[in-house]
N, C-alpha and C. Protein backbone atom coordinates (compact mmCIF):
# COMPACT_ATOMS: atom_id res chain seq x y z
N MET A 1 4.04 -7.58 8.67
CA MET A 1 3.22 -7.42 7.47
C MET A 1 2.45 -8.72 7.16
N ARG A 2 2.98 -9.85 7.65
CA ARG A 2 2.21 -11.10 7.41
C ARG A 2 0.86 -11.00 8.13
N MET A 3 0.84 -10.41 9.42
CA MET A 3 -0.27 -10.34 10.11
C MET A 3 -1.28 -9.46 9.40
N ALA A 4 -0.82 -8.32 8.67
CA ALA A 4 -1.58 -7.50 7.95
C ALA A 4 -2.27 -8.32 6.70
N LEU A 5 -1.38 -9.11 6.15
CA LEU A 5 -1.90 -9.87 5.02
C LEU A 5 -3.00 -10.81 5.41
N GLY A 6 -2.93 -11.46 6.65
CA GLY A 6 -4.05 -12.20 7.25
C GLY A 6 -5.18 -11.50 7.34
N GLU A 7 -5.10 -10.16 7.82
CA GLU A 7 -6.28 -9.37 7.95
C GLU A 7 -6.83 -9.08 6.44
N ALA A 8 -6.10 -8.85 5.50
CA ALA A 8 -6.43 -8.62 4.12
C ALA A 8 -7.21 -9.91 3.62
N GLU A 9 -6.78 -11.06 4.00
CA GLU A 9 -7.42 -12.29 3.53
C GLU A 9 -8.92 -12.18 4.17
N SER A 10 -9.04 -11.97 5.40
CA SER A 10 -10.35 -11.79 6.18
C SER A 10 -11.19 -11.01 5.46
N ALA A 11 -10.66 -9.73 4.95
CA ALA A 11 -11.45 -8.83 4.21
C ALA A 11 -11.99 -9.37 2.89
N LEU A 12 -11.03 -10.20 2.32
CA LEU A 12 -11.41 -10.81 0.97
C LEU A 12 -12.55 -11.83 1.22
N GLU A 13 -12.54 -12.58 2.20
CA GLU A 13 -13.60 -13.44 2.57
C GLU A 13 -14.87 -12.83 2.89
N SER A 14 -14.86 -11.67 3.24
CA SER A 14 -16.08 -10.87 3.64
C SER A 14 -16.53 -10.09 2.55
N GLY A 15 -15.88 -10.06 1.26
CA GLY A 15 -16.32 -9.31 0.15
C GLY A 15 -15.88 -7.88 0.07
N GLU A 16 -14.95 -7.54 1.02
CA GLU A 16 -14.43 -6.20 1.04
C GLU A 16 -13.16 -6.16 0.27
N VAL A 17 -12.73 -4.99 -0.15
CA VAL A 17 -11.37 -4.73 -0.77
C VAL A 17 -10.35 -5.34 0.27
N PRO A 18 -9.52 -6.17 -0.18
CA PRO A 18 -8.70 -6.90 0.86
C PRO A 18 -7.49 -6.02 1.16
N VAL A 19 -7.61 -5.15 2.14
CA VAL A 19 -6.58 -4.49 2.80
C VAL A 19 -6.55 -4.63 4.30
N GLY A 20 -5.42 -4.97 4.78
CA GLY A 20 -5.30 -5.27 6.16
C GLY A 20 -4.21 -4.38 6.90
N ALA A 21 -4.48 -4.06 8.15
CA ALA A 21 -3.54 -2.97 8.75
C ALA A 21 -3.34 -3.54 10.30
N VAL A 22 -2.11 -3.45 10.67
CA VAL A 22 -1.71 -3.62 12.09
C VAL A 22 -0.95 -2.48 12.62
N ILE A 23 -1.16 -2.26 13.93
CA ILE A 23 -0.43 -1.13 14.66
C ILE A 23 0.32 -1.81 15.76
N THR A 24 1.66 -1.61 15.79
CA THR A 24 2.46 -2.09 16.98
C THR A 24 3.12 -0.92 17.66
N MET A 25 3.52 -1.31 18.89
CA MET A 25 4.41 -0.36 19.74
C MET A 25 5.17 -1.22 20.68
N ASP A 26 6.50 -0.90 20.70
CA ASP A 26 7.37 -1.72 21.42
C ASP A 26 7.30 -3.28 21.36
N GLY A 27 7.09 -3.67 20.14
CA GLY A 27 6.95 -5.06 19.85
C GLY A 27 5.67 -5.78 20.17
N ARG A 28 4.69 -4.90 20.57
CA ARG A 28 3.30 -5.55 20.91
C ARG A 28 2.29 -5.15 20.01
N VAL A 29 1.37 -5.86 19.53
CA VAL A 29 0.32 -5.48 18.75
C VAL A 29 -0.77 -4.73 19.42
N LEU A 30 -1.03 -3.50 19.07
CA LEU A 30 -2.18 -2.66 19.63
C LEU A 30 -3.38 -2.76 18.87
N ALA A 31 -3.45 -3.18 17.53
CA ALA A 31 -4.56 -3.24 16.77
C ALA A 31 -4.28 -4.14 15.43
N LYS A 32 -5.35 -4.82 14.96
CA LYS A 32 -5.17 -5.45 13.74
C LYS A 32 -6.65 -5.39 13.18
N THR A 33 -6.74 -4.93 11.87
CA THR A 33 -7.99 -4.79 11.32
C THR A 33 -7.94 -4.87 9.90
N HIS A 34 -9.00 -4.91 9.27
CA HIS A 34 -9.19 -4.93 7.79
C HIS A 34 -10.26 -3.93 7.17
N ASN A 35 -10.13 -3.70 5.91
CA ASN A 35 -11.27 -2.91 5.34
C ASN A 35 -12.74 -3.47 5.70
N SER A 36 -13.63 -2.49 6.10
CA SER A 36 -15.03 -2.99 6.48
C SER A 36 -15.99 -1.92 6.02
N PRO A 37 -15.83 -1.12 4.96
CA PRO A 37 -16.81 -0.14 4.68
C PRO A 37 -18.15 -0.67 4.22
N ILE A 38 -18.15 -1.78 3.65
CA ILE A 38 -19.39 -2.37 3.14
C ILE A 38 -20.24 -2.97 4.41
N LEU A 39 -19.55 -3.75 5.18
CA LEU A 39 -20.17 -4.27 6.34
C LEU A 39 -20.65 -3.16 7.33
N MET A 40 -19.78 -2.23 7.41
CA MET A 40 -20.12 -1.16 8.56
C MET A 40 -20.94 0.04 7.88
N LYS A 41 -21.11 -0.01 6.54
CA LYS A 41 -21.89 1.02 5.94
C LYS A 41 -21.30 2.31 6.20
N ASP A 42 -19.90 2.45 6.21
CA ASP A 42 -19.17 3.49 6.55
C ASP A 42 -17.98 3.74 5.52
N PRO A 43 -18.01 4.73 4.66
CA PRO A 43 -17.06 5.00 3.77
C PRO A 43 -15.63 5.24 4.34
N THR A 44 -15.59 5.60 5.63
CA THR A 44 -14.32 5.79 6.39
C THR A 44 -13.72 4.64 6.98
N ALA A 45 -14.43 3.38 6.85
CA ALA A 45 -14.05 2.23 7.59
C ALA A 45 -12.85 1.48 6.92
N HIS A 46 -11.96 2.26 6.40
CA HIS A 46 -10.68 1.71 5.83
C HIS A 46 -9.88 0.95 7.05
N ALA A 47 -9.09 -0.03 6.56
CA ALA A 47 -8.24 -0.81 7.61
C ALA A 47 -7.34 0.10 8.49
N GLU A 48 -6.74 1.26 7.89
CA GLU A 48 -5.85 2.07 8.73
C GLU A 48 -6.71 2.95 9.77
N ILE A 49 -7.92 3.44 9.40
CA ILE A 49 -8.79 4.20 10.20
C ILE A 49 -9.17 3.37 11.44
N LEU A 50 -9.66 2.07 11.03
CA LEU A 50 -10.14 1.26 12.03
C LEU A 50 -9.03 0.82 13.06
N ALA A 51 -7.71 0.59 12.57
CA ALA A 51 -6.61 0.31 13.25
C ALA A 51 -6.31 1.51 14.22
N ILE A 52 -6.39 2.61 13.69
CA ILE A 52 -5.89 3.84 14.50
C ILE A 52 -7.08 3.87 15.73
N ARG A 53 -8.26 3.78 15.41
CA ARG A 53 -9.42 3.87 16.42
C ARG A 53 -9.11 2.97 17.53
N GLU A 54 -8.80 1.55 17.02
CA GLU A 54 -8.58 0.42 18.00
C GLU A 54 -7.35 0.76 18.90
N ALA A 55 -6.31 1.23 18.25
CA ALA A 55 -5.02 1.31 18.95
C ALA A 55 -5.27 2.66 19.97
N ALA A 56 -5.90 3.68 19.61
CA ALA A 56 -6.12 4.85 20.42
C ALA A 56 -7.07 4.35 21.61
N ASP A 57 -8.05 3.57 21.29
CA ASP A 57 -8.84 3.03 22.55
C ASP A 57 -8.01 2.19 23.43
N ARG A 58 -7.23 1.37 22.87
CA ARG A 58 -6.52 0.51 23.64
C ARG A 58 -5.31 1.18 24.64
N THR A 59 -4.82 2.34 23.99
CA THR A 59 -3.87 3.09 24.81
C THR A 59 -4.44 4.15 25.47
N GLU A 60 -5.75 4.38 25.33
CA GLU A 60 -6.41 5.50 25.93
C GLU A 60 -5.83 6.80 25.61
N ASN A 61 -5.26 6.98 24.34
CA ASN A 61 -4.83 8.13 24.00
C ASN A 61 -4.95 8.41 22.36
N TYR A 62 -5.32 9.58 22.06
CA TYR A 62 -5.57 9.69 20.64
C TYR A 62 -4.19 9.96 19.84
N ARG A 63 -3.08 10.09 20.60
CA ARG A 63 -1.78 10.29 19.98
C ARG A 63 -1.19 8.86 20.15
N LEU A 64 -0.68 8.51 19.03
CA LEU A 64 -0.06 7.18 18.91
C LEU A 64 1.31 7.20 18.65
N GLN A 65 2.07 8.14 19.31
CA GLN A 65 3.48 8.35 19.17
C GLN A 65 4.24 7.08 19.59
N GLY A 66 5.38 6.86 18.65
CA GLY A 66 6.15 5.61 18.91
C GLY A 66 5.50 4.38 18.31
N THR A 67 4.45 4.49 17.52
CA THR A 67 3.91 3.34 16.91
C THR A 67 4.20 3.20 15.46
N THR A 68 4.10 1.90 15.06
CA THR A 68 4.32 1.56 13.60
C THR A 68 3.13 1.02 12.99
N LEU A 69 2.56 1.41 11.90
CA LEU A 69 1.42 1.20 11.14
C LEU A 69 2.01 0.24 9.94
N TYR A 70 1.51 -0.99 9.95
CA TYR A 70 1.77 -1.88 8.81
C TYR A 70 0.40 -1.94 8.02
N VAL A 71 0.54 -1.76 6.69
CA VAL A 71 -0.68 -1.83 5.86
C VAL A 71 -0.44 -2.45 4.47
N THR A 72 -1.14 -3.18 4.01
CA THR A 72 -0.88 -3.97 2.78
C THR A 72 -0.83 -3.13 1.59
N ILE A 73 -1.37 -1.96 1.56
CA ILE A 73 -1.30 -1.08 0.39
C ILE A 73 -1.12 0.38 0.89
N GLU A 74 -0.49 1.14 0.13
CA GLU A 74 -0.13 2.51 0.41
C GLU A 74 -1.42 3.29 0.76
N PRO A 75 -1.48 3.96 1.82
CA PRO A 75 -2.68 4.59 2.31
C PRO A 75 -3.16 5.78 1.44
N CYS A 76 -4.40 5.98 1.40
CA CYS A 76 -5.11 6.91 0.54
C CYS A 76 -5.01 8.30 1.42
N PRO A 77 -5.38 9.36 0.72
CA PRO A 77 -5.11 10.62 1.55
C PRO A 77 -6.04 10.82 2.76
N MET A 78 -7.05 10.29 2.78
CA MET A 78 -7.86 10.31 4.17
C MET A 78 -7.15 9.57 5.13
N CYS A 79 -6.56 8.42 4.86
CA CYS A 79 -5.96 7.57 5.86
C CYS A 79 -4.59 8.28 6.15
N ALA A 80 -3.93 8.86 5.24
CA ALA A 80 -2.68 9.67 5.44
C ALA A 80 -2.88 10.83 6.54
N GLY A 81 -3.99 11.44 6.26
CA GLY A 81 -4.40 12.47 7.13
C GLY A 81 -4.54 12.02 8.62
N ALA A 82 -5.19 10.86 8.64
CA ALA A 82 -5.43 10.32 10.06
C ALA A 82 -4.19 9.84 10.69
N ILE A 83 -3.30 9.26 9.87
CA ILE A 83 -1.85 8.97 10.33
C ILE A 83 -1.14 10.16 10.79
N ILE A 84 -1.16 11.22 10.20
CA ILE A 84 -0.58 12.55 10.64
C ILE A 84 -1.23 12.99 11.91
N HIS A 85 -2.49 13.02 12.06
CA HIS A 85 -3.17 13.53 13.26
C HIS A 85 -2.92 12.56 14.48
N ALA A 86 -2.84 11.23 14.15
CA ALA A 86 -2.44 10.42 15.30
C ALA A 86 -1.04 10.40 15.73
N ARG A 87 -0.27 11.03 14.84
CA ARG A 87 1.24 11.16 15.27
C ARG A 87 1.91 9.71 15.21
N ILE A 88 1.49 8.87 14.21
CA ILE A 88 2.18 7.56 14.02
C ILE A 88 3.53 7.93 13.60
N ALA A 89 4.47 7.20 14.17
CA ALA A 89 5.83 7.48 13.87
C ALA A 89 6.36 6.76 12.57
N ARG A 90 5.86 5.61 12.30
CA ARG A 90 6.40 4.88 11.19
C ARG A 90 5.30 4.13 10.37
N LEU A 91 5.43 4.15 9.02
CA LEU A 91 4.51 3.55 8.10
C LEU A 91 5.17 2.45 7.38
N VAL A 92 4.77 1.29 7.41
CA VAL A 92 5.44 0.17 6.51
C VAL A 92 4.11 -0.28 5.68
N PHE A 93 4.47 -0.23 4.34
CA PHE A 93 3.38 -0.72 3.38
C PHE A 93 3.93 -1.62 2.36
N GLY A 94 2.85 -2.47 1.89
CA GLY A 94 3.31 -3.49 0.87
C GLY A 94 3.26 -2.75 -0.60
N ALA A 95 2.02 -2.88 -1.20
CA ALA A 95 1.89 -2.43 -2.56
C ALA A 95 1.75 -1.09 -2.72
N THR A 96 2.22 -0.42 -3.74
CA THR A 96 1.94 1.06 -4.08
C THR A 96 0.45 1.13 -4.81
N ASP A 97 -0.02 2.32 -4.60
CA ASP A 97 -1.36 2.73 -5.27
C ASP A 97 -1.10 3.91 -6.11
N PRO A 98 -0.61 3.77 -7.45
CA PRO A 98 -0.28 4.92 -8.19
C PRO A 98 -1.52 5.75 -8.65
N LYS A 99 -2.71 5.23 -8.39
CA LYS A 99 -3.92 5.97 -8.77
C LYS A 99 -4.66 6.65 -7.65
N GLY A 100 -4.22 6.22 -6.53
CA GLY A 100 -5.05 6.77 -5.31
C GLY A 100 -4.07 7.02 -4.06
N GLY A 101 -2.88 6.63 -4.03
CA GLY A 101 -2.01 6.63 -2.94
C GLY A 101 -1.53 7.97 -2.47
N ALA A 102 -1.50 8.24 -1.25
CA ALA A 102 -1.11 9.57 -0.67
C ALA A 102 0.41 9.76 -0.72
N ILE A 103 1.16 8.63 -0.98
CA ILE A 103 2.62 8.88 -1.08
C ILE A 103 2.88 9.02 -2.61
N SER A 104 2.41 8.07 -3.31
CA SER A 104 2.67 8.05 -4.80
C SER A 104 2.29 9.35 -5.54
N LEU A 105 1.09 9.75 -5.26
CA LEU A 105 0.49 11.00 -5.85
C LEU A 105 0.89 12.33 -5.16
N TYR A 106 0.92 12.24 -3.78
CA TYR A 106 1.10 13.65 -3.02
C TYR A 106 2.34 13.62 -2.17
N ASP A 107 2.77 12.66 -1.72
CA ASP A 107 3.85 12.52 -0.73
C ASP A 107 3.41 13.20 0.52
N MET A 108 2.18 12.98 1.01
CA MET A 108 1.62 13.66 2.10
C MET A 108 2.33 13.48 3.28
N LEU A 109 2.90 12.33 3.62
CA LEU A 109 3.58 12.02 4.80
C LEU A 109 5.00 12.72 5.02
N HIS A 110 5.46 13.31 3.83
CA HIS A 110 6.83 13.94 4.10
C HIS A 110 6.63 15.42 3.85
N ASP A 111 5.27 15.92 3.65
CA ASP A 111 5.10 17.31 3.41
C ASP A 111 5.49 18.20 4.60
N ARG A 112 6.53 19.05 4.36
CA ARG A 112 7.04 19.87 5.56
C ARG A 112 6.05 21.06 5.93
N LYS A 113 5.04 21.09 5.07
CA LYS A 113 3.99 22.14 5.46
C LYS A 113 2.94 21.61 6.62
N LEU A 114 3.07 20.38 6.67
CA LEU A 114 2.16 19.69 7.75
C LEU A 114 3.00 19.56 9.01
N ASN A 115 2.29 19.36 10.08
CA ASN A 115 2.81 19.39 11.46
C ASN A 115 3.46 18.07 11.99
N HIS A 116 3.54 17.01 11.18
CA HIS A 116 4.14 15.77 11.51
C HIS A 116 4.73 15.10 10.34
N PHE A 117 5.89 14.46 10.59
CA PHE A 117 6.72 13.71 9.59
C PHE A 117 6.77 12.32 9.93
N VAL A 118 6.40 11.47 9.02
CA VAL A 118 6.29 10.02 9.22
C VAL A 118 7.44 9.28 8.40
N GLU A 119 8.18 8.37 9.17
CA GLU A 119 9.16 7.52 8.57
C GLU A 119 8.29 6.59 7.72
N ILE A 120 8.79 6.28 6.41
CA ILE A 120 8.05 5.29 5.50
C ILE A 120 9.11 4.31 4.94
N THR A 121 8.52 3.04 5.02
CA THR A 121 9.25 1.97 4.26
C THR A 121 8.08 1.34 3.42
N GLY A 122 8.31 1.22 2.15
CA GLY A 122 7.36 0.79 1.19
C GLY A 122 7.97 -0.49 0.52
N GLY A 123 6.91 -1.23 -0.05
CA GLY A 123 7.35 -2.33 -0.81
C GLY A 123 7.59 -3.67 -0.06
N VAL A 124 7.24 -3.68 1.19
CA VAL A 124 7.45 -4.91 2.07
C VAL A 124 6.42 -5.97 1.61
N LEU A 125 6.87 -7.16 1.15
CA LEU A 125 5.89 -8.12 0.72
C LEU A 125 5.07 -7.65 -0.39
N GLN A 126 5.65 -6.84 -1.25
CA GLN A 126 4.91 -6.08 -2.26
C GLN A 126 4.10 -7.13 -3.21
N GLY A 127 4.77 -8.13 -3.51
CA GLY A 127 4.13 -9.11 -4.49
C GLY A 127 2.98 -9.83 -3.83
N LYS A 128 3.02 -10.28 -2.66
CA LYS A 128 1.86 -10.89 -1.93
C LYS A 128 0.82 -9.83 -1.70
N CYS A 129 1.10 -8.59 -1.32
CA CYS A 129 0.18 -7.59 -1.11
C CYS A 129 -0.69 -7.19 -2.33
N GLY A 130 0.18 -7.05 -3.39
CA GLY A 130 -0.46 -6.69 -4.74
C GLY A 130 -1.23 -7.76 -5.31
N GLU A 131 -0.94 -9.16 -5.02
CA GLU A 131 -1.51 -10.26 -5.57
C GLU A 131 -3.07 -10.40 -5.03
N ILE A 132 -3.11 -10.14 -3.81
CA ILE A 132 -4.40 -10.32 -3.15
C ILE A 132 -5.35 -9.32 -3.72
N LEU A 133 -4.93 -8.03 -3.89
CA LEU A 133 -5.68 -7.02 -4.58
C LEU A 133 -6.05 -7.33 -6.00
N SER A 134 -5.05 -7.79 -6.69
CA SER A 134 -5.35 -8.10 -8.13
C SER A 134 -6.32 -9.20 -8.29
N ARG A 135 -6.16 -10.26 -7.32
CA ARG A 135 -7.20 -11.43 -7.38
C ARG A 135 -8.60 -10.88 -7.10
N PHE A 136 -8.75 -9.99 -6.17
CA PHE A 136 -10.06 -9.45 -5.85
C PHE A 136 -10.72 -8.70 -7.05
N PHE A 137 -9.90 -7.89 -7.56
CA PHE A 137 -10.49 -7.02 -8.65
C PHE A 137 -10.64 -7.92 -10.06
N ARG A 138 -9.87 -8.99 -10.10
CA ARG A 138 -10.00 -9.88 -11.26
C ARG A 138 -11.27 -10.61 -11.09
N GLU A 139 -11.54 -11.15 -9.91
CA GLU A 139 -12.85 -11.82 -9.65
C GLU A 139 -14.02 -10.90 -9.69
N LYS A 140 -13.82 -9.62 -9.40
CA LYS A 140 -14.95 -8.79 -9.60
C LYS A 140 -15.39 -8.57 -11.08
N ARG A 141 -14.41 -8.65 -11.93
CA ARG A 141 -14.70 -8.40 -13.35
C ARG A 141 -15.31 -9.59 -14.07
N ILE A 142 -15.22 -10.76 -13.47
CA ILE A 142 -15.79 -11.99 -14.13
C ILE A 142 -17.25 -12.05 -14.08
């Protein structure tokens, strides 16, 4: 999660919403990314989506079975859908997103109607993950 926080700091420095993501498998890092929709002019360039793309490219497989995704905030529904399609085994996130989170609002990753079930651990370094987001939005309001 600390590596994902470092990525969130990079996003903050770039003027992006500070969200970072890291994907690991068997103790090695497959991808580490941060939000980049402004830079890439791509509304889908969320940290999780970019990490999934990078990990899939690195493993040469669109299925990321056996991987863990660390992200500084609970994924949105778009990212949760990508997590399901990629078959990521485990999600570890920091801050919750009660206004837009796929877990808080929909519990998408545990929906038995879908074809994949993801193990979830939330609240990891929640204070630090939430603070970087609060700082970003506080500075935007000034």
